[in-house]
Full PDB file with SEQRES, HELIX, SHEET, SSBOND, CRYST1, ORIGX, SCALE, CONECT and MASTER records, all heavy atoms in Angstrom:
SEQRES   1 A   35  THR LEU LEU SER PRO PRO LEU PRO ILE LEU LEU MET PHE          
SEQRES   2 A   35  GLY VAL THR ILE VAL LEU ILE GLY ARG ASP ARG SER ARG          
SEQRES   3 A   35  GLY LEU GLY ALA ALA ILE LEU SER ALA                          
HELIX    1 AA1 LEU A    7  ILE A   20  1                                  14    
HELIX    2 AA2 ASP A   23  SER A   25  5                                   3    
HELIX    3 AA3 ARG A   26  SER A   34  1                                   9    
CRYST1    1.000    1.000    1.000  90.00  90.00  90.00 P 1           1          
ORIGX1      1.000000  0.000000  0.000000        0.00000                         
ORIGX2      0.000000  1.000000  0.000000        0.00000                         
ORIGX3      0.000000  0.000000  1.000000        0.00000                         
SCALE1      1.000000  0.000000  0.000000        0.00000                         
SCALE2      0.000000  1.000000  0.000000        0.00000                         
SCALE3      0.000000  0.000000  1.000000        0.00000                         
ATOM      1  N   THR A   1     -13.223  -9.206  -6.624  1.00  0.00           N  
ATOM      2  CA  THR A   1     -13.834 -10.522  -6.605  1.00  0.00           C  
ATOM      3  C   THR A   1     -14.678 -10.509  -5.254  1.00  0.00           C  
ATOM      4  O   THR A   1     -14.555  -9.625  -4.459  1.00  0.00           O  
ATOM      5  CB  THR A   1     -12.875 -11.723  -6.650  1.00  0.00           C  
ATOM      6  OG1 THR A   1     -12.146 -11.705  -5.432  1.00  0.00           O  
ATOM      7  CG2 THR A   1     -12.000 -11.656  -7.873  1.00  0.00           C  
ATOM      8  N   LEU A   2     -15.286 -11.564  -5.019  1.00  0.00           N  
ATOM      9  CA  LEU A   2     -15.986 -11.801  -3.711  1.00  0.00           C  
ATOM     10  C   LEU A   2     -15.080 -11.591  -2.597  1.00  0.00           C  
ATOM     11  O   LEU A   2     -15.434 -11.020  -1.568  1.00  0.00           O  
ATOM     12  CB  LEU A   2     -16.617 -13.246  -3.708  1.00  0.00           C  
ATOM     13  CG  LEU A   2     -17.323 -13.434  -2.299  1.00  0.00           C  
ATOM     14  CD1 LEU A   2     -18.537 -12.643  -2.183  1.00  0.00           C  
ATOM     15  CD2 LEU A   2     -17.732 -14.924  -2.175  1.00  0.00           C  
ATOM     16  N   LEU A   3     -13.851 -12.078  -2.628  1.00  0.00           N  
ATOM     17  CA  LEU A   3     -12.936 -12.043  -1.552  1.00  0.00           C  
ATOM     18  C   LEU A   3     -11.769 -11.033  -1.705  1.00  0.00           C  
ATOM     19  O   LEU A   3     -10.946 -10.964  -0.766  1.00  0.00           O  
ATOM     20  CB  LEU A   3     -12.305 -13.463  -1.457  1.00  0.00           C  
ATOM     21  CG  LEU A   3     -13.310 -14.615  -1.142  1.00  0.00           C  
ATOM     22  CD1 LEU A   3     -12.526 -16.044  -1.213  1.00  0.00           C  
ATOM     23  CD2 LEU A   3     -14.113 -14.375   0.091  1.00  0.00           C  
ATOM     24  N   SER A   4     -11.704 -10.324  -2.782  1.00  0.00           N  
ATOM     25  CA  SER A   4     -10.535  -9.438  -2.909  1.00  0.00           C  
ATOM     26  C   SER A   4     -10.926  -8.130  -3.594  1.00  0.00           C  
ATOM     27  O   SER A   4     -11.915  -8.104  -4.358  1.00  0.00           O  
ATOM     28  CB  SER A   4      -9.471 -10.124  -3.683  1.00  0.00           C  
ATOM     29  OG  SER A   4      -9.795 -10.337  -4.986  1.00  0.00           O  
ATOM     30  N   PRO A   5     -10.114  -7.118  -3.380  1.00  0.00           N  
ATOM     31  CA  PRO A   5     -10.386  -5.806  -4.081  1.00  0.00           C  
ATOM     32  C   PRO A   5      -9.863  -5.970  -5.555  1.00  0.00           C  
ATOM     33  O   PRO A   5      -9.232  -6.911  -5.875  1.00  0.00           O  
ATOM     34  CB  PRO A   5      -9.418  -4.859  -3.305  1.00  0.00           C  
ATOM     35  CG  PRO A   5      -8.337  -5.714  -2.773  1.00  0.00           C  
ATOM     36  CD  PRO A   5      -8.972  -6.995  -2.488  1.00  0.00           C  
ATOM     37  N   PRO A   6     -10.147  -4.915  -6.343  1.00  0.00           N  
ATOM     38  CA  PRO A   6      -9.641  -4.840  -7.719  1.00  0.00           C  
ATOM     39  C   PRO A   6      -8.133  -4.938  -7.790  1.00  0.00           C  
ATOM     40  O   PRO A   6      -7.443  -4.478  -6.762  1.00  0.00           O  
ATOM     41  CB  PRO A   6     -10.156  -3.577  -8.238  1.00  0.00           C  
ATOM     42  CG  PRO A   6     -11.285  -3.127  -7.321  1.00  0.00           C  
ATOM     43  CD  PRO A   6     -10.971  -3.777  -6.028  1.00  0.00           C  
ATOM     44  N   LEU A   7      -7.571  -5.550  -8.815  1.00  0.00           N  
ATOM     45  CA  LEU A   7      -6.173  -5.641  -8.945  1.00  0.00           C  
ATOM     46  C   LEU A   7      -5.399  -4.377  -8.738  1.00  0.00           C  
ATOM     47  O   LEU A   7      -4.342  -4.350  -8.068  1.00  0.00           O  
ATOM     48  CB  LEU A   7      -5.833  -6.212 -10.286  1.00  0.00           C  
ATOM     49  CG  LEU A   7      -4.311  -6.449 -10.580  1.00  0.00           C  
ATOM     50  CD1 LEU A   7      -3.746  -7.451  -9.563  1.00  0.00           C  
ATOM     51  CD2 LEU A   7      -4.095  -7.007 -12.034  1.00  0.00           C  
ATOM     52  N   PRO A   8      -5.766  -3.191  -9.336  1.00  0.00           N  
ATOM     53  CA  PRO A   8      -4.992  -2.010  -9.002  1.00  0.00           C  
ATOM     54  C   PRO A   8      -4.927  -1.617  -7.628  1.00  0.00           C  
ATOM     55  O   PRO A   8      -3.853  -1.241  -7.150  1.00  0.00           O  
ATOM     56  CB  PRO A   8      -5.805  -0.842  -9.866  1.00  0.00           C  
ATOM     57  CG  PRO A   8      -6.490  -1.657 -10.929  1.00  0.00           C  
ATOM     58  CD  PRO A   8      -6.843  -2.960 -10.323  1.00  0.00           C  
ATOM     59  N   ILE A   9      -5.953  -1.792  -6.865  1.00  0.00           N  
ATOM     60  CA  ILE A   9      -5.903  -1.491  -5.429  1.00  0.00           C  
ATOM     61  C   ILE A   9      -5.080  -2.493  -4.679  1.00  0.00           C  
ATOM     62  O   ILE A   9      -4.225  -2.166  -3.821  1.00  0.00           O  
ATOM     63  CB  ILE A   9      -7.323  -1.428  -4.817  1.00  0.00           C  
ATOM     64  CG1 ILE A   9      -8.090  -0.212  -5.356  1.00  0.00           C  
ATOM     65  CG2 ILE A   9      -7.288  -1.350  -3.336  1.00  0.00           C  
ATOM     66  CD1 ILE A   9      -9.568  -0.155  -4.921  1.00  0.00           C  
ATOM     67  N   LEU A  10      -5.140  -3.742  -5.156  1.00  0.00           N  
ATOM     68  CA  LEU A  10      -4.312  -4.727  -4.564  1.00  0.00           C  
ATOM     69  C   LEU A  10      -2.832  -4.459  -4.784  1.00  0.00           C  
ATOM     70  O   LEU A  10      -2.002  -4.559  -3.875  1.00  0.00           O  
ATOM     71  CB  LEU A  10      -4.651  -6.128  -5.072  1.00  0.00           C  
ATOM     72  CG  LEU A  10      -4.021  -7.386  -4.469  1.00  0.00           C  
ATOM     73  CD1 LEU A  10      -4.286  -7.417  -2.841  1.00  0.00           C  
ATOM     74  CD2 LEU A  10      -4.485  -8.566  -5.144  1.00  0.00           C  
ATOM     75  N   LEU A  11      -2.453  -3.971  -5.971  1.00  0.00           N  
ATOM     76  CA  LEU A  11      -1.044  -3.697  -6.277  1.00  0.00           C  
ATOM     77  C   LEU A  11      -0.544  -2.446  -5.525  1.00  0.00           C  
ATOM     78  O   LEU A  11       0.512  -2.418  -5.033  1.00  0.00           O  
ATOM     79  CB  LEU A  11      -0.932  -3.403  -7.799  1.00  0.00           C  
ATOM     80  CG  LEU A  11      -1.095  -4.657  -8.712  1.00  0.00           C  
ATOM     81  CD1 LEU A  11      -1.040  -4.280 -10.131  1.00  0.00           C  
ATOM     82  CD2 LEU A  11      -0.044  -5.663  -8.390  1.00  0.00           C  
ATOM     83  N   MET A  12      -1.409  -1.427  -5.356  1.00  0.00           N  
ATOM     84  CA  MET A  12      -1.098  -0.300  -4.510  1.00  0.00           C  
ATOM     85  C   MET A  12      -0.825  -0.697  -3.128  1.00  0.00           C  
ATOM     86  O   MET A  12       0.050  -0.136  -2.427  1.00  0.00           O  
ATOM     87  CB  MET A  12      -2.252   0.804  -4.671  1.00  0.00           C  
ATOM     88  CG  MET A  12      -2.186   1.529  -5.980  1.00  0.00           C  
ATOM     89  SD  MET A  12      -3.302   3.017  -6.007  1.00  0.00           S  
ATOM     90  CE  MET A  12      -4.864   2.140  -5.895  1.00  0.00           C  
ATOM     91  N   PHE A  13      -1.730  -1.592  -2.537  1.00  0.00           N  
ATOM     92  CA  PHE A  13      -1.496  -2.086  -1.255  1.00  0.00           C  
ATOM     93  C   PHE A  13      -0.090  -2.698  -1.125  1.00  0.00           C  
ATOM     94  O   PHE A  13       0.560  -2.451  -0.136  1.00  0.00           O  
ATOM     95  CB  PHE A  13      -2.573  -3.101  -0.967  1.00  0.00           C  
ATOM     96  CG  PHE A  13      -2.588  -3.723   0.367  1.00  0.00           C  
ATOM     97  CD1 PHE A  13      -2.135  -3.015   1.515  1.00  0.00           C  
ATOM     98  CD2 PHE A  13      -3.199  -4.939   0.561  1.00  0.00           C  
ATOM     99  CE1 PHE A  13      -2.170  -3.632   2.801  1.00  0.00           C  
ATOM    100  CE2 PHE A  13      -3.276  -5.531   1.863  1.00  0.00           C  
ATOM    101  CZ  PHE A  13      -2.735  -4.823   2.927  1.00  0.00           C  
ATOM    102  N   GLY A  14       0.364  -3.521  -2.051  1.00  0.00           N  
ATOM    103  CA  GLY A  14       1.703  -4.086  -2.009  1.00  0.00           C  
ATOM    104  C   GLY A  14       2.759  -3.153  -2.066  1.00  0.00           C  
ATOM    105  O   GLY A  14       3.773  -3.134  -1.319  1.00  0.00           O  
ATOM    106  N   VAL A  15       2.574  -2.002  -2.945  1.00  0.00           N  
ATOM    107  CA  VAL A  15       3.568  -0.966  -3.066  1.00  0.00           C  
ATOM    108  C   VAL A  15       3.661  -0.240  -1.695  1.00  0.00           C  
ATOM    109  O   VAL A  15       4.868   0.071  -1.314  1.00  0.00           O  
ATOM    110  CB  VAL A  15       3.293  -0.006  -4.268  1.00  0.00           C  
ATOM    111  CG1 VAL A  15       4.106   1.190  -4.202  1.00  0.00           C  
ATOM    112  CG2 VAL A  15       3.385  -0.769  -5.518  1.00  0.00           C  
ATOM    113  N   THR A  16       2.606   0.024  -1.084  1.00  0.00           N  
ATOM    114  CA  THR A  16       2.744   0.831   0.225  1.00  0.00           C  
ATOM    115  C   THR A  16       3.451  -0.024   1.255  1.00  0.00           C  
ATOM    116  O   THR A  16       4.095   0.593   2.088  1.00  0.00           O  
ATOM    117  CB  THR A  16       1.307   1.175   0.720  1.00  0.00           C  
ATOM    118  OG1 THR A  16       0.532   0.085   0.906  1.00  0.00           O  
ATOM    119  CG2 THR A  16       0.604   2.177  -0.235  1.00  0.00           C  
ATOM    120  N   ILE A  17       3.315  -1.268   1.261  1.00  0.00           N  
ATOM    121  CA  ILE A  17       4.068  -2.121   2.231  1.00  0.00           C  
ATOM    122  C   ILE A  17       5.533  -1.981   2.034  1.00  0.00           C  
ATOM    123  O   ILE A  17       6.241  -1.885   2.989  1.00  0.00           O  
ATOM    124  CB  ILE A  17       3.553  -3.642   2.114  1.00  0.00           C  
ATOM    125  CG1 ILE A  17       2.134  -3.674   2.550  1.00  0.00           C  
ATOM    126  CG2 ILE A  17       4.467  -4.471   2.905  1.00  0.00           C  
ATOM    127  CD1 ILE A  17       1.572  -5.074   2.228  1.00  0.00           C  
ATOM    128  N   VAL A  18       5.940  -1.911   0.786  1.00  0.00           N  
ATOM    129  CA  VAL A  18       7.373  -1.721   0.469  1.00  0.00           C  
ATOM    130  C   VAL A  18       7.822  -0.274   0.912  1.00  0.00           C  
ATOM    131  O   VAL A  18       8.814  -0.098   1.552  1.00  0.00           O  
ATOM    132  CB  VAL A  18       7.698  -1.883  -1.049  1.00  0.00           C  
ATOM    133  CG1 VAL A  18       9.094  -1.463  -1.401  1.00  0.00           C  
ATOM    134  CG2 VAL A  18       7.343  -3.229  -1.440  1.00  0.00           C  
ATOM    135  N   LEU A  19       6.966   0.718   0.679  1.00  0.00           N  
ATOM    136  CA  LEU A  19       7.313   2.119   1.101  1.00  0.00           C  
ATOM    137  C   LEU A  19       7.473   2.198   2.625  1.00  0.00           C  
ATOM    138  O   LEU A  19       8.317   2.844   3.127  1.00  0.00           O  
ATOM    139  CB  LEU A  19       6.278   2.998   0.606  1.00  0.00           C  
ATOM    140  CG  LEU A  19       6.200   3.307  -0.882  1.00  0.00           C  
ATOM    141  CD1 LEU A  19       5.020   4.206  -1.167  1.00  0.00           C  
ATOM    142  CD2 LEU A  19       7.509   3.972  -1.386  1.00  0.00           C  
ATOM    143  N   ILE A  20       6.591   1.524   3.342  1.00  0.00           N  
ATOM    144  CA  ILE A  20       6.571   1.622   4.774  1.00  0.00           C  
ATOM    145  C   ILE A  20       7.807   0.954   5.377  1.00  0.00           C  
ATOM    146  O   ILE A  20       8.417   1.336   6.435  1.00  0.00           O  
ATOM    147  CB  ILE A  20       5.257   0.978   5.368  1.00  0.00           C  
ATOM    148  CG1 ILE A  20       4.102   1.859   5.072  1.00  0.00           C  
ATOM    149  CG2 ILE A  20       5.410   0.723   6.919  1.00  0.00           C  
ATOM    150  CD1 ILE A  20       2.750   1.170   5.475  1.00  0.00           C  
ATOM    151  N   GLY A  21       8.281  -0.081   4.658  1.00  0.00           N  
ATOM    152  CA  GLY A  21       9.475  -0.817   5.115  1.00  0.00           C  
ATOM    153  C   GLY A  21      10.812   0.033   4.889  1.00  0.00           C  
ATOM    154  O   GLY A  21      11.812  -0.379   5.488  1.00  0.00           O  
ATOM    155  N   ARG A  22      10.758   1.125   4.214  1.00  0.00           N  
ATOM    156  CA  ARG A  22      11.951   1.945   4.041  1.00  0.00           C  
ATOM    157  C   ARG A  22      11.804   3.248   4.897  1.00  0.00           C  
ATOM    158  O   ARG A  22      10.785   3.859   4.931  1.00  0.00           O  
ATOM    159  CB  ARG A  22      11.985   2.272   2.539  1.00  0.00           C  
ATOM    160  CG  ARG A  22      12.181   1.144   1.643  1.00  0.00           C  
ATOM    161  CD  ARG A  22      12.265   1.596   0.251  1.00  0.00           C  
ATOM    162  NE  ARG A  22      12.582   0.357  -0.535  1.00  0.00           N  
ATOM    163  CZ  ARG A  22      12.674   0.383  -1.816  1.00  0.00           C  
ATOM    164  NH1 ARG A  22      12.624   1.600  -2.446  1.00  0.00           N  
ATOM    165  NH2 ARG A  22      12.972  -0.774  -2.510  1.00  0.00           N  
ATOM    166  N   ASP A  23      12.866   3.547   5.616  1.00  0.00           N  
ATOM    167  CA  ASP A  23      12.968   4.656   6.546  1.00  0.00           C  
ATOM    168  C   ASP A  23      12.571   5.913   5.819  1.00  0.00           C  
ATOM    169  O   ASP A  23      11.727   6.796   6.372  1.00  0.00           O  
ATOM    170  CB  ASP A  23      14.243   4.811   7.240  1.00  0.00           C  
ATOM    171  CG  ASP A  23      14.478   3.763   8.222  1.00  0.00           C  
ATOM    172  OD1 ASP A  23      13.476   3.127   8.746  1.00  0.00           O  
ATOM    173  OD2 ASP A  23      15.577   3.449   8.580  1.00  0.00           O  
ATOM    174  N   ARG A  24      13.029   6.175   4.649  1.00  0.00           N  
ATOM    175  CA  ARG A  24      12.894   7.475   3.897  1.00  0.00           C  
ATOM    176  C   ARG A  24      11.457   7.679   3.524  1.00  0.00           C  
ATOM    177  O   ARG A  24      10.946   8.779   3.313  1.00  0.00           O  
ATOM    178  CB  ARG A  24      13.745   7.585   2.809  1.00  0.00           C  
ATOM    179  CG  ARG A  24      15.160   7.550   3.217  1.00  0.00           C  
ATOM    180  CD  ARG A  24      16.137   7.609   2.067  1.00  0.00           C  
ATOM    181  NE  ARG A  24      16.343   9.033   1.762  1.00  0.00           N  
ATOM    182  CZ  ARG A  24      16.814   9.559   0.563  1.00  0.00           C  
ATOM    183  NH1 ARG A  24      17.126   8.635  -0.325  1.00  0.00           N  
ATOM    184  NH2 ARG A  24      16.975  10.729   0.454  1.00  0.00           N  
ATOM    185  N   SER A  25      10.655   6.568   3.252  1.00  0.00           N  
ATOM    186  CA  SER A  25       9.343   6.700   2.682  1.00  0.00           C  
ATOM    187  C   SER A  25       8.281   6.101   3.694  1.00  0.00           C  
ATOM    188  O   SER A  25       7.107   5.963   3.236  1.00  0.00           O  
ATOM    189  CB  SER A  25       9.195   6.006   1.354  1.00  0.00           C  
ATOM    190  OG  SER A  25       9.673   4.673   1.413  1.00  0.00           O  
ATOM    191  N   ARG A  26       8.628   5.893   4.904  1.00  0.00           N  
ATOM    192  CA  ARG A  26       7.667   5.227   5.820  1.00  0.00           C  
ATOM    193  C   ARG A  26       6.425   6.129   6.067  1.00  0.00           C  
ATOM    194  O   ARG A  26       5.365   5.547   6.018  1.00  0.00           O  
ATOM    195  CB  ARG A  26       8.450   5.080   7.178  1.00  0.00           C  
ATOM    196  CG  ARG A  26       7.588   4.401   8.232  1.00  0.00           C  
ATOM    197  CD  ARG A  26       8.483   4.186   9.522  1.00  0.00           C  
ATOM    198  NE  ARG A  26       7.701   3.859  10.588  1.00  0.00           N  
ATOM    199  CZ  ARG A  26       7.555   2.568  10.982  1.00  0.00           C  
ATOM    200  NH1 ARG A  26       8.152   1.601  10.357  1.00  0.00           N  
ATOM    201  NH2 ARG A  26       6.804   2.296  12.049  1.00  0.00           N  
ATOM    202  N   GLY A  27       6.568   7.320   6.225  1.00  0.00           N  
ATOM    203  CA  GLY A  27       5.417   8.184   6.465  1.00  0.00           C  
ATOM    204  C   GLY A  27       4.526   8.234   5.262  1.00  0.00           C  
ATOM    205  O   GLY A  27       3.305   8.191   5.376  1.00  0.00           O  
ATOM    206  N   LEU A  28       5.057   8.405   4.120  1.00  0.00           N  
ATOM    207  CA  LEU A  28       4.330   8.516   2.877  1.00  0.00           C  
ATOM    208  C   LEU A  28       3.574   7.201   2.619  1.00  0.00           C  
ATOM    209  O   LEU A  28       2.390   7.120   2.335  1.00  0.00           O  
ATOM    210  CB  LEU A  28       5.264   8.751   1.651  1.00  0.00           C  
ATOM    211  CG  LEU A  28       4.600   8.703   0.289  1.00  0.00           C  
ATOM    212  CD1 LEU A  28       3.489   9.815   0.216  1.00  0.00           C  
ATOM    213  CD2 LEU A  28       5.608   8.853  -0.874  1.00  0.00           C  
ATOM    214  N   GLY A  29       4.314   6.028   2.832  1.00  0.00           N  
ATOM    215  CA  GLY A  29       3.677   4.733   2.698  1.00  0.00           C  
ATOM    216  C   GLY A  29       2.509   4.470   3.654  1.00  0.00           C  
ATOM    217  O   GLY A  29       1.431   4.066   3.226  1.00  0.00           O  
ATOM    218  N   ALA A  30       2.696   4.961   4.880  1.00  0.00           N  
ATOM    219  CA  ALA A  30       1.613   4.866   5.891  1.00  0.00           C  
ATOM    220  C   ALA A  30       0.420   5.721   5.500  1.00  0.00           C  
ATOM    221  O   ALA A  30      -0.743   5.311   5.671  1.00  0.00           O  
ATOM    222  CB  ALA A  30       2.127   5.232   7.238  1.00  0.00           C  
ATOM    223  N   ALA A  31       0.666   6.938   5.052  1.00  0.00           N  
ATOM    224  CA  ALA A  31      -0.414   7.808   4.654  1.00  0.00           C  
ATOM    225  C   ALA A  31      -1.257   7.246   3.490  1.00  0.00           C  
ATOM    226  O   ALA A  31      -2.482   7.264   3.503  1.00  0.00           O  
ATOM    227  CB  ALA A  31       0.113   9.237   4.257  1.00  0.00           C  
ATOM    228  N   ILE A  32      -0.589   6.716   2.497  1.00  0.00           N  
ATOM    229  CA  ILE A  32      -1.184   6.090   1.303  1.00  0.00           C  
ATOM    230  C   ILE A  32      -1.959   4.869   1.793  1.00  0.00           C  
ATOM    231  O   ILE A  32      -3.084   4.543   1.408  1.00  0.00           O  
ATOM    232  CB  ILE A  32      -0.218   5.769   0.154  1.00  0.00           C  
ATOM    233  CG1 ILE A  32       0.424   7.066  -0.338  1.00  0.00           C  
ATOM    234  CG2 ILE A  32      -0.882   4.953  -0.874  1.00  0.00           C  
ATOM    235  CD1 ILE A  32       1.531   6.785  -1.211  1.00  0.00           C  
ATOM    236  N   LEU A  33      -1.306   3.987   2.745  1.00  0.00           N  
ATOM    237  CA  LEU A  33      -1.974   2.835   3.184  1.00  0.00           C  
ATOM    238  C   LEU A  33      -3.248   3.132   3.929  1.00  0.00           C  
ATOM    239  O   LEU A  33      -4.141   2.404   3.844  1.00  0.00           O  
ATOM    240  CB  LEU A  33      -1.009   1.980   4.093  1.00  0.00           C  
ATOM    241  CG  LEU A  33      -1.542   0.655   4.585  1.00  0.00           C  
ATOM    242  CD1 LEU A  33      -1.932  -0.221   3.399  1.00  0.00           C  
ATOM    243  CD2 LEU A  33      -0.571  -0.033   5.550  1.00  0.00           C  
ATOM    244  N   SER A  34      -3.257   4.271   4.582  1.00  0.00           N  
ATOM    245  CA  SER A  34      -4.380   4.683   5.341  1.00  0.00           C  
ATOM    246  C   SER A  34      -5.591   4.919   4.387  1.00  0.00           C  
ATOM    247  O   SER A  34      -6.734   4.378   4.650  1.00  0.00           O  
ATOM    248  CB  SER A  34      -4.240   6.015   6.095  1.00  0.00           C  
ATOM    249  OG  SER A  34      -3.243   5.807   7.066  1.00  0.00           O  
ATOM    250  N   ALA A  35      -5.326   5.598   3.289  1.00  0.00           N  
ATOM    251  CA  ALA A  35      -6.390   5.824   2.322  1.00  0.00           C  
ATOM    252  C   ALA A  35      -6.891   4.494   1.709  1.00  0.00           C  
ATOM    253  O   ALA A  35      -8.026   4.225   1.483  1.00  0.00           O  
ATOM    254  CB  ALA A  35      -5.885   6.743   1.190  1.00  0.00           C  
TER     255      ALA A  35                                                      
MASTER        0    0    0    3    0    0    0    6  254    1    0    3          
END                                                                             
């Protein structure tokens, strides 16, 4: 929309936040969040 990305990208953004919050997947989450 004017103010937000497409839903799939928004959902991936949310998933990466969860990954970053976990020690075992922190690096992977941060790498995906970078992209």
